[in-house]
Amino acid sequence: MTQQLLPITYDNIEAIGASAFAKSRECITAIRMDVLHNIQPLERLGFERLIKAIEARRIFTPEILEELDVQMDFLTREIDKGTTVHQRYDYDECNVSAPACWQERQTTERADELGRAMIMFFDLHETLQAVHDLMHAQEALTELRQSLCS
């Protein structure tokens, strides 16, 4: 289950960072429970790299964000492969709703499992981005202060 991201302020950057560690562990569980058995052995390498980095507690590196992006792109493509959209029509004269057609999405069990993992990946990615943004902002403001004082 995803939690609401804490407000992005300097006052709670440590709490956001701690939250990122918890979310990274949730990602490991998602990878092991929902991803690895649904993909080919060669496709597992990136996910295994993520597991190793998370287990080593190296989640704030730019490489982790890049790896998350790559794996999220992969998951998106795989989920799309397992998703079909059916156009439904109801032209019955008793149907007073508009429009008289709609779309229904159907997903395979594999796509559902990968989708559950994707939610965890998005949540972790958003949290890591928040930490990076705050750190970059602090760094930029420090440089600005130094330039104004000199």
C-alpha atoms as a PDB file:
ATOM      1  CA  MET A   1       0.000   0.000   0.000  1.00  0.00           C
ATOM      2  CA  THR A   2       1.398   3.376  -0.911  1.00  0.00           C
ATOM      3  CA  GLN A   3       1.426   6.225   1.547  1.00  0.00           C
ATOM      4  CA  GLN A   4       0.963   9.898   0.884  1.00  0.00           C
ATOM      5  CA  LEU A   5       4.291  11.639   0.316  1.00  0.00           C
ATOM      6  CA  LEU A   6       5.233  13.946   3.152  1.00  0.00           C
ATOM      7  CA  PRO A   7       5.207  17.657   2.320  1.00  0.00           C
ATOM      8  CA  ILE A   8       8.477  18.449   0.583  1.00  0.00           C
ATOM      9  CA  THR A   9      10.158  20.878   2.956  1.00  0.00           C
ATOM     10  CA  TYR A  10      13.606  21.240   4.417  1.00  0.00           C
ATOM     11  CA  ASP A  11      12.149  20.520   7.851  1.00  0.00           C
ATOM     12  CA  ASN A  12      11.257  16.941   6.998  1.00  0.00           C
ATOM     13  CA  ILE A  13      13.958  15.872   4.556  1.00  0.00           C
ATOM     14  CA  GLU A  14      15.221  13.304   7.071  1.00  0.00           C
ATOM     15  CA  ALA A  15      11.730  11.831   7.412  1.00  0.00           C
ATOM     16  CA  ILE A  16      11.373  11.656   3.635  1.00  0.00           C
ATOM     17  CA  GLY A  17      14.776   9.952   3.439  1.00  0.00           C
ATOM     18  CA  ALA A  18      13.764   7.422   6.096  1.00  0.00           C
ATOM     19  CA  SER A  19      10.540   6.821   4.209  1.00  0.00           C
ATOM     20  CA  ALA A  20      12.584   6.108   1.078  1.00  0.00           C
ATOM     21  CA  PHE A  21      14.402   3.301   2.881  1.00  0.00           C
ATOM     22  CA  ALA A  22      11.095   1.725   3.912  1.00  0.00           C
ATOM     23  CA  LYS A  23       9.727   2.065   0.385  1.00  0.00           C
ATOM     24  CA  SER A  24      12.884   0.541  -1.062  1.00  0.00           C
ATOM     25  CA  ARG A  25      12.325  -2.567   1.060  1.00  0.00           C
ATOM     26  CA  GLU A  26       8.756  -2.725  -0.248  1.00  0.00           C
ATOM     27  CA  CYS A  27      10.223  -2.642  -3.757  1.00  0.00           C
ATOM     28  CA  ILE A  28      12.408  -5.644  -2.972  1.00  0.00           C
ATOM     29  CA  THR A  29       9.311  -7.546  -1.871  1.00  0.00           C
ATOM     30  CA  ALA A  30       7.456  -6.483  -5.020  1.00  0.00           C
ATOM     31  CA  ILE A  31      10.354  -7.565  -7.224  1.00  0.00           C
ATOM     32  CA  ARG A  32      10.558 -10.964  -5.558  1.00  0.00           C
ATOM     33  CA  MET A  33       6.811 -11.578  -5.323  1.00  0.00           C
ATOM     34  CA  ASP A  34       5.473 -10.009  -8.518  1.00  0.00           C
ATOM     35  CA  VAL A  35       8.268  -9.457 -11.026  1.00  0.00           C
ATOM     36  CA  LEU A  36      11.001 -12.086 -11.142  1.00  0.00           C
ATOM     37  CA  HIS A  37       8.768 -15.080 -11.876  1.00  0.00           C
ATOM     38  CA  ASN A  38       6.994 -13.115 -14.617  1.00  0.00           C
ATOM     39  CA  ILE A  39      10.049 -12.231 -16.705  1.00  0.00           C
ATOM     40  CA  GLN A  40      12.775 -14.034 -18.592  1.00  0.00           C
ATOM     41  CA  PRO A  41      16.128 -14.713 -16.874  1.00  0.00           C
ATOM     42  CA  LEU A  42      18.040 -12.118 -18.923  1.00  0.00           C
ATOM     43  CA  GLU A  43      15.395  -9.500 -18.120  1.00  0.00           C
ATOM     44  CA  ARG A  44      16.016 -10.004 -14.386  1.00  0.00           C
ATOM     45  CA  LEU A  45      19.480  -8.429 -14.343  1.00  0.00           C
ATOM     46  CA  GLY A  46      18.333  -4.843 -13.786  1.00  0.00           C
ATOM     47  CA  PHE A  47      15.937  -5.889 -11.052  1.00  0.00           C
ATOM     48  CA  GLU A  48      18.671  -7.918  -9.383  1.00  0.00           C
ATOM     49  CA  ARG A  49      20.960  -4.859  -9.504  1.00  0.00           C
ATOM     50  CA  LEU A  50      18.233  -2.870  -7.771  1.00  0.00           C
ATOM     51  CA  ILE A  51      17.885  -5.508  -5.063  1.00  0.00           C
ATOM     52  CA  LYS A  52      21.638  -5.484  -4.430  1.00  0.00           C
ATOM     53  CA  ALA A  53      21.795  -1.685  -4.244  1.00  0.00           C
ATOM     54  CA  ILE A  54      18.803  -1.518  -1.918  1.00  0.00           C
ATOM     55  CA  GLU A  55      20.162  -4.250   0.329  1.00  0.00           C
ATOM     56  CA  ALA A  56      23.458  -2.324   0.480  1.00  0.00           C
ATOM     57  CA  ARG A  57      21.369   0.773   1.415  1.00  0.00           C
ATOM     58  CA  ARG A  58      22.707   2.733  -1.583  1.00  0.00           C
ATOM     59  CA  ILE A  59      19.380   4.188  -2.657  1.00  0.00           C
ATOM     60  CA  PHE A  60      20.234   7.873  -2.974  1.00  0.00           C
ATOM     61  CA  THR A  61      22.654   7.553  -5.890  1.00  0.00           C
ATOM     62  CA  PRO A  62      21.757   8.925  -9.328  1.00  0.00           C
ATOM     63  CA  GLU A  63      22.341   5.420 -10.691  1.00  0.00           C
ATOM     64  CA  ILE A  64      19.414   4.092  -8.667  1.00  0.00           C
ATOM     65  CA  LEU A  65      17.087   6.680 -10.188  1.00  0.00           C
ATOM     66  CA  GLU A  66      18.344   5.748 -13.658  1.00  0.00           C
ATOM     67  CA  GLU A  67      17.877   2.037 -12.970  1.00  0.00           C
ATOM     68  CA  LEU A  68      14.378   2.672 -11.618  1.00  0.00           C
ATOM     69  CA  ASP A  69      13.534   4.617 -14.792  1.00  0.00           C
ATOM     70  CA  VAL A  70      14.799   1.797 -17.000  1.00  0.00           C
ATOM     71  CA  GLN A  71      12.932  -0.888 -15.077  1.00  0.00           C
ATOM     72  CA  MET A  72       9.742   1.180 -14.910  1.00  0.00           C
ATOM     73  CA  ASP A  73       9.883   1.610 -18.697  1.00  0.00           C
ATOM     74  CA  PHE A  74      10.326  -2.151 -19.040  1.00  0.00           C
ATOM     75  CA  LEU A  75       7.391  -2.858 -16.709  1.00  0.00           C
ATOM     76  CA  THR A  76       5.198  -0.393 -18.607  1.00  0.00           C
ATOM     77  CA  ARG A  77       5.874  -2.181 -21.894  1.00  0.00           C
ATOM     78  CA  GLU A  78       5.214  -5.582 -20.325  1.00  0.00           C
ATOM     79  CA  ILE A  79       1.983  -4.402 -18.693  1.00  0.00           C
ATOM     80  CA  ASP A  80       0.849  -2.982 -22.049  1.00  0.00           C
ATOM     81  CA  LYS A  81       1.478  -6.373 -23.670  1.00  0.00           C
ATOM     82  CA  GLY A  82      -0.875  -7.969 -21.156  1.00  0.00           C
ATOM     83  CA  THR A  83      -3.613  -5.364 -21.480  1.00  0.00           C
ATOM     84  CA  THR A  84      -6.413  -5.450 -24.013  1.00  0.00           C
ATOM     85  CA  VAL A  85      -9.027  -2.778 -24.520  1.00  0.00           C
ATOM     86  CA  HIS A  86     -12.492  -3.843 -25.605  1.00  0.00           C
ATOM     87  CA  GLN A  87     -14.912  -1.388 -27.134  1.00  0.00           C
ATOM     88  CA  ARG A  88     -18.452  -1.979 -25.854  1.00  0.00           C
ATOM     89  CA  TYR A  89     -21.651  -0.690 -27.450  1.00  0.00           C
ATOM     90  CA  ASP A  90     -25.199  -0.484 -26.158  1.00  0.00           C
ATOM     91  CA  TYR A  91     -27.574   0.851 -28.779  1.00  0.00           C
ATOM     92  CA  ASP A  92     -30.669  -0.316 -26.951  1.00  0.00           C
ATOM     93  CA  GLU A  93     -33.399   2.314 -27.152  1.00  0.00           C
ATOM     94  CA  CYS A  94     -33.823   2.044 -23.378  1.00  0.00           C
ATOM     95  CA  ASN A  95     -30.218   3.127 -22.839  1.00  0.00           C
ATOM     96  CA  VAL A  96     -30.462   6.812 -22.057  1.00  0.00           C
ATOM     97  CA  SER A  97     -26.855   7.253 -20.988  1.00  0.00           C
ATOM     98  CA  ALA A  98     -24.471   8.993 -23.289  1.00  0.00           C
ATOM     99  CA  PRO A  99     -22.346   7.941 -24.962  1.00  0.00           C
ATOM    100  CA  ALA A 100     -23.752   4.580 -25.934  1.00  0.00           C
ATOM    101  CA  CYS A 101     -20.267   3.096 -26.080  1.00  0.00           C
ATOM    102  CA  TRP A 102     -17.416   2.643 -23.620  1.00  0.00           C
ATOM    103  CA  GLN A 103     -14.102   0.893 -23.240  1.00  0.00           C
ATOM    104  CA  GLU A 104     -13.236  -1.901 -20.849  1.00  0.00           C
ATOM    105  CA  ARG A 105      -9.676  -2.838 -20.027  1.00  0.00           C
ATOM    106  CA  GLN A 106      -8.777  -6.427 -19.326  1.00  0.00           C
ATOM    107  CA  THR A 107      -5.395  -7.452 -18.010  1.00  0.00           C
ATOM    108  CA  THR A 108      -3.730 -10.791 -17.661  1.00  0.00           C
ATOM    109  CA  GLU A 109      -2.693 -12.051 -14.251  1.00  0.00           C
ATOM    110  CA  ARG A 110       0.912 -11.339 -15.246  1.00  0.00           C
ATOM    111  CA  ALA A 111       0.082  -7.715 -16.105  1.00  0.00           C
ATOM    112  CA  ASP A 112      -1.790  -7.351 -12.797  1.00  0.00           C
ATOM    113  CA  GLU A 113       1.221  -8.592 -10.845  1.00  0.00           C
ATOM    114  CA  LEU A 114       3.621  -6.341 -12.738  1.00  0.00           C
ATOM    115  CA  GLY A 115       1.222  -3.453 -12.183  1.00  0.00           C
ATOM    116  CA  ARG A 116       1.306  -4.014  -8.422  1.00  0.00           C
ATOM    117  CA  ALA A 117       5.087  -3.836  -8.527  1.00  0.00           C
ATOM    118  CA  MET A 118       4.937  -0.715 -10.685  1.00  0.00           C
ATOM    119  CA  ILE A 119       2.984   1.100  -7.967  1.00  0.00           C
ATOM    120  CA  MET A 120       5.822   0.424  -5.520  1.00  0.00           C
ATOM    121  CA  PHE A 121       8.401   1.608  -8.051  1.00  0.00           C
ATOM    122  CA  PHE A 122       6.520   4.864  -8.689  1.00  0.00           C
ATOM    123  CA  ASP A 123       6.215   5.503  -4.967  1.00  0.00           C
ATOM    124  CA  LEU A 124       9.927   4.946  -4.353  1.00  0.00           C
ATOM    125  CA  HIS A 125      10.895   6.993  -7.414  1.00  0.00           C
ATOM    126  CA  GLU A 126       8.741   9.928  -6.282  1.00  0.00           C
ATOM    127  CA  THR A 127      10.255   9.840  -2.798  1.00  0.00           C
ATOM    128  CA  LEU A 128      13.836   9.627  -4.067  1.00  0.00           C
ATOM    129  CA  GLN A 129      13.175  12.512  -6.464  1.00  0.00           C
ATOM    130  CA  ALA A 130      11.885  14.608  -3.561  1.00  0.00           C
ATOM    131  CA  VAL A 131      15.072  13.972  -1.570  1.00  0.00           C
ATOM    132  CA  HIS A 132      17.257  14.770  -4.591  1.00  0.00           C
ATOM    133  CA  ASP A 133      15.289  17.938  -5.317  1.00  0.00           C
ATOM    134  CA  LEU A 134      15.638  19.182  -1.747  1.00  0.00           C
ATOM    135  CA  MET A 135      19.351  18.408  -1.649  1.00  0.00           C
ATOM    136  CA  HIS A 136      19.961  20.141  -4.985  1.00  0.00           C
ATOM    137  CA  ALA A 137      17.959  23.145  -3.815  1.00  0.00           C
ATOM    138  CA  GLN A 138      19.986  23.350  -0.608  1.00  0.00           C
ATOM    139  CA  GLU A 139      23.217  23.127  -2.585  1.00  0.00           C
ATOM    140  CA  ALA A 140      22.105  25.816  -5.050  1.00  0.00           C
ATOM    141  CA  LEU A 141      21.020  28.128  -2.242  1.00  0.00           C
ATOM    142  CA  THR A 142      24.325  27.643  -0.431  1.00  0.00           C
ATOM    143  CA  GLU A 143      26.203  28.585  -3.602  1.00  0.00           C
ATOM    144  CA  LEU A 144      23.940  31.611  -4.076  1.00  0.00           C
ATOM    145  CA  ARG A 145      24.538  32.784  -0.508  1.00  0.00           C
ATOM    146  CA  GLN A 146      28.291  32.400  -0.930  1.00  0.00           C
ATOM    147  CA  SER A 147      28.269  34.376  -4.169  1.00  0.00           C
ATOM    148  CA  LEU A 148      26.243  37.171  -2.568  1.00  0.00           C
ATOM    149  CA  CYS A 149      28.565  37.360   0.437  1.00  0.00           C
ATOM    150  CA  SER A 150      31.744  37.612  -1.622  1.00  0.00           C
END
